[in-house]
Amino acid sequence: MDLGAERIQEFRTIELLNRVLAVTTLIGMRPLFHPSIGEVTVEGILHALSDPVRVAMYADIVAQECPQSCSNFLTVSDKAIPKSTLSQHFKILREAGLIRSERHGVEMHNISRCTELERRFPGLIRAIVTAHSIQSADEARAKMPTPKRPAKRAAAK
């Protein structure tokens, strides 16, 4: 083989290895842990939803009836959330049994497990999400400036 043919063969070998490694990386991703509904505990749910960002994220996921991408939550309650922090929040929600996550290419899609949780703990999730909605509305009202009333003038004699 001449030098040009050797380089072409070397290039093809490297390209083939890169493709194999890329597929191996995709196949070798750690599987996501989802507890069975029997393993979900009230304590785990309450712990996962004790963080204000996580409960806001979860309430939004519950409100939507379709899977939500992680990137939809880069801003939660007018606060920017770093991707690494979001990943941790989703992991806690997932491991508590509140959401199911699936990889779709480079995106992670999350959906609530409300139906399963409602059968296991009737009314619990609905009560928590309702309480969060009430609290959020109260906080939003408290942040709004109150309109100033004109001062009353002294009555003319």
Protein backbone atom coordinates (compact mmCIF):
# COMPACT_ATOMS: atom_id res chain seq x y z
CA MET A 1 0.00 0.00 0.00
CA ASP A 2 1.16 3.46 -0.71
CA LEU A 3 1.13 6.25 1.89
CA GLY A 4 -2.16 7.78 0.62
CA ALA A 5 -4.00 4.46 0.77
CA GLU A 6 -2.67 3.83 4.29
CA ARG A 7 -3.94 7.24 5.46
CA ILE A 8 -7.36 6.62 3.93
CA GLN A 9 -7.52 3.22 5.65
CA GLU A 10 -6.40 4.79 8.96
CA PHE A 11 -9.04 7.53 8.59
CA ARG A 12 -11.76 4.93 7.90
CA THR A 13 -10.69 2.90 10.93
CA ILE A 14 -10.76 5.97 13.19
CA GLU A 15 -14.15 7.02 11.82
CA LEU A 16 -15.54 3.51 12.39
CA LEU A 17 -14.19 3.49 15.97
CA ASN A 18 -15.75 6.89 16.65
CA ARG A 19 -19.12 5.64 15.45
CA VAL A 20 -18.86 2.48 17.56
CA LEU A 21 -17.86 4.52 20.63
CA ALA A 22 -20.76 6.92 20.11
CA VAL A 23 -23.24 4.04 19.92
CA THR A 24 -21.63 2.39 22.94
CA THR A 25 -21.93 5.64 24.88
CA LEU A 26 -25.64 5.90 24.04
CA ILE A 27 -26.25 2.26 24.91
CA GLY A 28 -24.07 2.48 28.02
CA MET A 29 -25.99 5.36 29.64
CA ARG A 30 -27.08 4.54 33.15
CA PRO A 31 -30.74 3.60 33.29
CA LEU A 32 -33.01 5.98 35.16
CA PHE A 33 -34.32 4.73 38.49
CA HIS A 34 -38.10 4.77 38.87
CA PRO A 35 -39.45 3.18 42.05
CA SER A 36 -42.43 0.90 41.73
CA ILE A 37 -45.62 2.48 43.05
CA GLY A 38 -45.44 0.15 46.06
CA GLU A 39 -42.04 1.60 47.00
CA VAL A 40 -43.29 5.21 47.00
CA THR A 41 -43.73 6.61 50.51
CA VAL A 42 -45.53 9.66 51.87
CA GLU A 43 -42.28 10.70 53.56
CA GLY A 44 -40.42 10.53 50.24
CA ILE A 45 -43.11 12.60 48.50
CA LEU A 46 -43.15 15.24 51.24
CA HIS A 47 -39.35 15.44 51.26
CA ALA A 48 -39.18 15.83 47.47
CA LEU A 49 -41.82 18.57 47.53
CA SER A 50 -40.33 20.41 50.51
CA ASP A 51 -38.14 22.52 48.21
CA PRO A 52 -39.99 25.55 46.74
CA VAL A 53 -38.38 25.12 43.32
CA ARG A 54 -39.23 21.42 43.14
CA VAL A 55 -42.84 21.90 44.19
CA ALA A 56 -43.22 24.66 41.57
CA MET A 57 -41.70 22.38 38.93
CA TYR A 58 -43.94 19.49 39.95
CA ALA A 59 -47.08 21.63 40.01
CA ASP A 60 -46.28 22.74 36.45
CA ILE A 61 -45.72 19.15 35.31
CA VAL A 62 -49.03 18.10 36.90
CA ALA A 63 -50.86 21.00 35.23
CA GLN A 64 -49.61 19.94 31.79
CA GLU A 65 -51.03 16.71 30.46
CA CYS A 66 -48.11 16.06 28.14
CA PRO A 67 -44.45 15.30 28.89
CA GLN A 68 -42.34 18.34 29.78
CA SER A 69 -38.76 18.76 28.64
CA CYS A 70 -36.19 19.64 31.29
CA SER A 71 -35.32 22.80 29.33
CA ASN A 72 -38.84 24.14 30.03
CA PHE A 73 -37.74 24.73 33.61
CA LEU A 74 -34.64 26.86 33.11
CA THR A 75 -36.63 29.61 34.83
CA VAL A 76 -38.86 28.69 37.77
CA SER A 77 -40.77 31.32 39.76
CA ASP A 78 -38.83 34.08 37.96
CA LYS A 79 -35.50 32.54 39.04
CA ALA A 80 -32.88 31.21 36.63
CA ILE A 81 -32.01 27.61 37.51
CA PRO A 82 -28.65 26.14 36.35
CA LYS A 83 -28.94 22.92 34.33
CA SER A 84 -26.94 20.95 36.89
CA THR A 85 -29.34 22.02 39.64
CA LEU A 86 -32.34 21.16 37.45
CA SER A 87 -30.91 17.68 36.90
CA GLN A 88 -30.64 17.19 40.64
CA HIS A 89 -34.22 18.41 41.21
CA PHE A 90 -35.57 16.04 38.54
CA LYS A 91 -33.59 13.15 40.04
CA ILE A 92 -35.15 13.79 43.47
CA LEU A 93 -38.67 14.02 42.00
CA ARG A 94 -38.07 10.85 39.95
CA GLU A 95 -36.61 8.84 42.84
CA ALA A 96 -39.51 9.90 45.09
CA GLY A 97 -41.84 8.37 42.49
CA LEU A 98 -43.51 11.65 41.52
CA ILE A 99 -42.45 11.71 37.87
CA ARG A 100 -41.40 9.32 35.13
CA SER A 101 -38.52 10.47 32.93
CA GLU A 102 -37.62 9.20 29.47
CA ARG A 103 -34.71 10.06 27.25
CA HIS A 104 -35.61 11.26 23.76
CA GLY A 105 -32.34 11.91 21.95
CA VAL A 106 -30.55 14.58 23.94
CA GLU A 107 -33.69 15.69 25.78
CA MET A 108 -35.26 14.27 28.90
CA HIS A 109 -39.07 14.25 28.97
CA ASN A 110 -40.87 14.18 32.32
CA ILE A 111 -44.46 13.28 33.07
CA SER A 112 -46.35 13.09 36.34
CA ARG A 113 -47.34 9.76 37.87
CA CYS A 114 -50.53 11.33 39.31
CA THR A 115 -52.84 8.50 38.29
CA GLU A 116 -50.69 5.87 40.01
CA LEU A 117 -50.15 8.09 43.07
CA GLU A 118 -53.86 8.88 43.34
CA ARG A 119 -54.61 5.14 43.60
CA ARG A 120 -51.92 4.67 46.29
CA PHE A 121 -52.54 7.88 48.29
CA PRO A 122 -56.00 9.24 47.39
CA GLY A 123 -56.15 13.05 47.47
CA LEU A 124 -52.55 13.61 48.62
CA ILE A 125 -51.10 15.04 45.40
CA ARG A 126 -54.21 17.09 44.65
CA ALA A 127 -54.08 18.61 48.16
CA ILE A 128 -50.38 19.49 47.88
CA VAL A 129 -50.74 21.03 44.40
CA THR A 130 -53.83 23.00 45.48
CA ALA A 131 -52.06 24.28 48.59
CA HIS A 132 -49.08 25.31 46.45
CA SER A 133 -51.38 27.18 44.05
CA ILE A 134 -53.02 29.06 46.93
CA GLN A 135 -49.65 29.94 48.45
CA SER A 136 -48.26 31.10 45.08
CA ALA A 137 -51.31 33.32 44.49
CA ASP A 138 -50.95 34.83 47.97
CA GLU A 139 -47.25 35.53 47.36
CA ALA A 140 -48.00 37.13 43.99
CA ARG A 141 -50.64 39.39 45.55
CA ALA A 142 -48.23 40.39 48.31
CA LYS A 143 -45.64 41.46 45.71
CA MET A 144 -48.10 43.65 43.83
CA PRO A 145 -48.00 47.31 44.81
CA THR A 146 -51.17 48.50 46.42
CA PRO A 147 -52.80 51.45 44.70
CA LYS A 148 -52.54 54.62 46.72
CA ARG A 149 -55.79 56.36 47.50
CA PRO A 150 -55.89 60.10 47.26
CA ALA A 151 -55.70 61.80 50.60
CA LYS A 152 -58.99 63.10 51.90
CA ARG A 153 -59.22 66.85 51.93
CA ALA A 154 -60.50 68.69 54.90
CA ALA A 155 -64.08 69.76 54.38
CA ALA A 156 -64.37 73.45 53.48
CA LYS A 157 -66.36 75.57 55.96
